[in-house]
Amino acid sequence: MKLHLSGLCLCLLFALPMLAQQKKEELHFTSNQRQLITVYKGTIFVNGNKAYVFKEDKIKYASKRNRLIEDGRTAFLFLEVTDTPNKDKLIVFNIDHSLADSLLTAISSDVKDWDRDDNLEFGGSEAPVPYAAADSMYYLPSRWYEIRKGKISYDAELTETVDKKVNGQFIADAPQRLLIPKKKGKN
């Protein structure tokens, strides 16, 4: 009996790390409206009904940015996805009556009150593209969004503030690959 238990313990000792390293492929959330939301292998289910199917499963299931945020009676599902070679993205869904409606895609960031205005924001800019000249750089436009009164909208004020901090200036509707002089002291 003692030999049998030690063999079982030894088996568990080797098997547990393998079980712990299995790739996570599902997420579960419950809204205040008692909607059961499951994300499993690239498909969103709401109350057991298939609500949205991704063309390709690039969801980062272990990400802390995957979450359900409720504002009033509105439920927003945030899913972080891989977008190689670019920065990862957040895809935002409105969850309502067994439906998952894709609202927008943004640069992946924490969803928090970035500008201390009592509203949650998220967004950012792509990774910088190097430029050979030491006195110039490519303008890195950002795009920030805000959750307010059950809706998600573009946050122009935070976008302008971040762009001024990163680029030294704000250029509305900047074209791709716009060269600007580097900020003094920025390498």
Protein backbone atom coordinates (compact mmCIF):
# COMPACT_ATOMS: atom_id res chain seq x y z
CA MET A 1 0.00 0.00 0.00
CA LYS A 2 2.82 2.38 0.89
CA LEU A 3 4.60 1.65 -2.41
CA HIS A 4 1.37 2.25 -4.35
CA LEU A 5 0.86 5.70 -2.73
CA SER A 6 4.44 6.77 -3.39
CA GLY A 7 4.05 5.74 -7.04
CA LEU A 8 0.82 7.76 -7.29
CA CYS A 9 2.52 10.80 -5.71
CA LEU A 10 5.43 10.48 -8.13
CA CYS A 11 3.01 10.29 -11.08
CA LEU A 12 1.17 13.42 -9.88
CA LEU A 13 4.48 15.21 -9.40
CA PHE A 14 5.26 14.79 -13.12
CA ALA A 15 1.71 15.23 -14.45
CA LEU A 16 0.72 18.47 -12.66
CA PRO A 17 3.25 20.75 -14.41
CA MET A 18 2.10 19.45 -17.80
CA LEU A 19 -1.54 20.16 -16.92
CA ALA A 20 -0.68 23.65 -15.67
CA GLN A 21 1.10 24.50 -18.95
CA GLN A 22 -1.87 23.74 -21.19
CA LYS A 23 -2.84 26.65 -23.41
CA LYS A 24 -5.88 28.50 -22.10
CA GLU A 25 -8.53 28.65 -24.82
CA GLU A 26 -11.60 29.94 -23.03
CA LEU A 27 -12.87 32.88 -21.00
CA HIS A 28 -16.01 33.23 -18.88
CA PHE A 29 -17.82 36.40 -17.79
CA THR A 30 -21.22 37.17 -16.22
CA SER A 31 -22.80 40.60 -16.61
CA ASN A 32 -24.95 42.38 -14.05
CA GLN A 33 -27.88 41.62 -16.38
CA ARG A 34 -27.07 37.90 -15.88
CA GLN A 35 -25.77 37.41 -19.39
CA LEU A 36 -23.35 34.49 -19.50
CA ILE A 37 -20.50 35.25 -21.90
CA THR A 38 -18.03 32.58 -22.98
CA VAL A 39 -15.16 32.99 -25.41
CA TYR A 40 -13.98 29.60 -26.65
CA LYS A 41 -11.57 28.87 -29.51
CA GLY A 42 -12.32 32.07 -31.42
CA THR A 43 -16.08 32.15 -30.84
CA ILE A 44 -18.10 34.36 -28.49
CA PHE A 45 -21.17 32.74 -26.95
CA VAL A 46 -23.78 34.79 -25.10
CA ASN A 47 -26.27 32.83 -23.00
CA GLY A 48 -25.23 29.68 -24.86
CA ASN A 49 -25.89 31.16 -28.30
CA LYS A 50 -23.12 31.65 -30.85
CA ALA A 51 -22.86 35.45 -31.08
CA TYR A 52 -19.62 36.14 -32.97
CA VAL A 53 -17.01 34.02 -34.76
CA PHE A 54 -13.51 35.31 -35.47
CA LYS A 55 -12.08 34.49 -38.90
CA GLU A 56 -8.88 33.48 -37.14
CA ASP A 57 -8.39 32.84 -33.43
CA LYS A 58 -5.69 35.35 -32.41
CA ILE A 59 -7.16 35.98 -28.95
CA LYS A 60 -4.62 36.20 -26.15
CA TYR A 61 -6.66 34.17 -23.64
CA ALA A 62 -4.26 34.68 -20.73
CA SER A 63 -4.21 38.49 -21.07
CA LYS A 64 -5.30 40.58 -18.09
CA ARG A 65 -6.81 43.02 -20.61
CA ASN A 66 -9.60 40.58 -21.50
CA ARG A 67 -12.50 41.82 -19.44
CA LEU A 68 -16.13 42.77 -19.24
CA ILE A 69 -16.78 46.41 -18.36
CA GLU A 70 -20.27 47.60 -17.58
CA ASP A 71 -21.40 51.20 -17.71
CA GLY A 72 -24.99 51.55 -16.64
CA ARG A 73 -26.92 48.77 -18.38
CA THR A 74 -24.36 48.49 -21.20
CA ALA A 75 -21.82 45.66 -21.20
CA PHE A 76 -18.59 45.96 -23.18
CA LEU A 77 -16.39 42.92 -23.79
CA PHE A 78 -12.69 43.70 -24.34
CA LEU A 79 -10.57 41.01 -25.99
CA GLU A 80 -6.85 41.38 -26.64
CA VAL A 81 -5.66 39.91 -29.95
CA THR A 82 -2.25 39.43 -31.52
CA ASP A 83 -1.53 41.69 -34.52
CA THR A 84 2.04 40.77 -35.48
CA PRO A 85 4.20 42.62 -36.57
CA ASN A 86 2.19 45.56 -35.19
CA LYS A 87 1.21 46.15 -31.58
CA ASP A 88 -1.50 43.92 -30.15
CA LYS A 89 -5.07 45.22 -30.41
CA LEU A 90 -8.19 45.39 -28.25
CA ILE A 91 -11.39 44.43 -30.00
CA VAL A 92 -14.41 45.86 -28.21
CA PHE A 93 -17.87 44.29 -28.35
CA ASN A 94 -21.23 45.51 -27.10
CA ILE A 95 -22.98 42.56 -25.43
CA ASP A 96 -26.77 42.82 -25.56
CA HIS A 97 -29.55 40.19 -25.57
CA SER A 98 -27.45 37.23 -26.75
CA LEU A 99 -25.67 39.37 -29.34
CA ALA A 100 -22.03 40.44 -29.56
CA ASP A 101 -21.68 43.51 -31.77
CA SER A 102 -18.10 44.45 -32.71
CA LEU A 103 -17.75 48.19 -32.06
CA LEU A 104 -14.11 49.03 -32.71
CA THR A 105 -10.50 47.93 -32.68
CA ALA A 106 -7.86 49.93 -30.79
CA ILE A 107 -4.24 49.61 -29.76
CA SER A 108 -4.08 47.33 -26.74
CA SER A 109 -3.70 49.18 -23.46
CA ASP A 110 -5.03 48.99 -19.95
CA VAL A 111 -8.59 50.29 -19.64
CA LYS A 112 -8.39 52.88 -16.90
CA ASP A 113 -8.90 56.57 -16.14
CA TRP A 114 -5.77 57.82 -17.94
CA ASP A 115 -6.62 61.55 -17.75
CA ARG A 116 -8.34 61.55 -14.33
CA ASP A 117 -11.73 62.70 -15.65
CA ASP A 118 -13.68 59.88 -13.93
CA ASN A 119 -14.16 58.00 -17.24
CA LEU A 120 -12.31 54.88 -18.41
CA GLU A 121 -10.07 55.30 -21.47
CA PHE A 122 -8.07 52.99 -23.71
CA GLY A 123 -5.98 53.26 -26.87
CA GLY A 124 -2.54 54.32 -27.98
CA SER A 125 -0.29 54.39 -31.04
CA GLU A 126 1.66 51.88 -33.09
CA ALA A 127 5.31 51.19 -32.36
CA PRO A 128 7.75 53.81 -33.67
CA VAL A 129 9.27 53.23 -37.08
CA PRO A 130 12.97 54.15 -37.09
CA TYR A 131 14.16 56.93 -39.37
CA ALA A 132 17.81 57.25 -40.46
CA ALA A 133 18.25 61.00 -39.86
CA ALA A 134 19.11 62.00 -36.30
CA ASP A 135 17.13 65.25 -36.47
CA SER A 136 13.80 63.76 -37.68
CA MET A 137 11.31 61.06 -36.78
CA TYR A 138 8.00 59.75 -38.02
CA TYR A 139 4.95 61.29 -36.37
CA LEU A 140 3.23 58.67 -34.17
CA PRO A 141 -0.48 59.50 -34.13
CA SER A 142 -2.43 57.95 -31.30
CA ARG A 143 -6.12 57.30 -30.96
CA TRP A 144 -7.81 57.17 -27.56
CA TYR A 145 -11.38 56.21 -26.67
CA GLU A 146 -13.51 56.89 -23.63
CA ILE A 147 -16.41 55.03 -22.00
CA ARG A 148 -19.09 57.47 -20.90
CA LYS A 149 -22.83 57.09 -20.28
CA GLY A 150 -22.98 53.59 -21.81
CA LYS A 151 -21.21 54.59 -25.02
CA ILE A 152 -17.67 54.51 -26.37
CA SER A 153 -16.46 57.61 -28.17
CA TYR A 154 -13.24 59.11 -29.49
CA ASP A 155 -11.40 61.09 -26.78
CA ALA A 156 -9.96 64.05 -28.72
CA GLU A 157 -8.56 65.77 -25.64
CA LEU A 158 -6.56 62.75 -24.43
CA THR A 159 -5.40 61.99 -27.99
CA GLU A 160 -4.06 65.53 -28.38
CA THR A 161 -2.38 65.47 -24.95
CA VAL A 162 -0.63 62.15 -25.65
CA ASP A 163 0.44 63.19 -29.16
CA LYS A 164 1.97 66.42 -27.82
CA LYS A 165 3.85 64.45 -25.18
CA VAL A 166 5.14 61.78 -27.61
CA ASN A 167 5.67 63.89 -30.75
CA GLY A 168 6.09 67.40 -29.34
CA GLN A 169 3.06 68.52 -31.34
CA PHE A 170 -0.44 67.46 -32.38
CA ILE A 171 -1.38 67.08 -36.05
CA ALA A 172 -5.02 66.23 -36.67
CA ASP A 173 -5.53 63.61 -39.41
CA ALA A 174 -1.78 63.16 -39.92
CA PRO A 175 -0.96 61.13 -43.07
CA GLN A 176 1.03 57.88 -42.87
CA ARG A 177 4.80 58.30 -42.58
CA LEU A 178 4.78 62.04 -41.86
CA LEU A 179 8.29 63.26 -40.97
CA ILE A 180 8.63 65.80 -38.17
CA PRO A 181 11.66 67.29 -36.39
CA LYS A 182 12.65 65.39 -33.24
CA LYS A 183 11.89 66.96 -29.89
CA LYS A 184 14.95 68.42 -28.25
CA GLY A 185 16.44 65.91 -25.83
CA LYS A 186 14.63 62.93 -27.47
CA ASN A 187 16.86 60.16 -28.80
